[in-house]
């Protein structure tokens, strides 16, 4: 099942691209400092503009203490929110791609928990190029499975792939994926404002101090934690699916 390993690798690369947005600040500061260093060298070489040289040196010294470019602070807060939105969105696509790829490469690998369950598809989804992967995803959608919900993902994997993955409520992976999903929802649907639904979803996540009506406030560490959780979960799941190849039972 090399195709699942390749899929996981592509997903990880996508996460790395998304989660490095905050490093743009360091890039901008380096460019700014390099420009000042060049000006400083030119002034020293000409032995003129002594007063300007002092100001340039002060600017260079000040850069070392700048955590964020002040004018971009609010923009970075929005970028971190959007990073989580993209991470969770990519995670959703990755989960659906697992089912799509199994259907299109190893369709006999599926194991229906309910042997009497038949594939149910809305005829409106049929189109040129319709594949078996499209069919299984249409069936899951018809059965109300959602790749935006961790419980639903775990249930689908158990019911159709024969892999049972249990994550306790206290598991950091579960907590961070639930938190990321909740953050995505309020950013997309509630202008990043904390509501009762959000607080209910993340009540098991420790060390949160959000209040209803406040705005979500994310650090780069928050983004990194969500990224790590979806990364770790995806690796565990793919490994479990691949290892299930050794099961002796005949597939359904």
Foldseek 3Di string as FASTA:
>chain_A
DVVLVVLLVVLLVQLVVLLCPVVVQVVVLVVVLVVLVVVLVVCVVVVDPPVVNVVSVVVNVVSVVDPGDVVCVVVVQVSLLVSLLVNLVSLLVSLLVVQLVCCQPPVLQWAAPPPPDDQDADPVPDDPPDGSSNSVVRSLVVVVQGSLDPVSSQVCCCRIRVFHDDDDLLRLLVLLSLLSSLSSCCVVPPVQFDAPVSCVSNVSPPDDDDDHGHGDGDDSVSSVSSSVSSSVVSVVVSVRSVVCVPDPDRGD
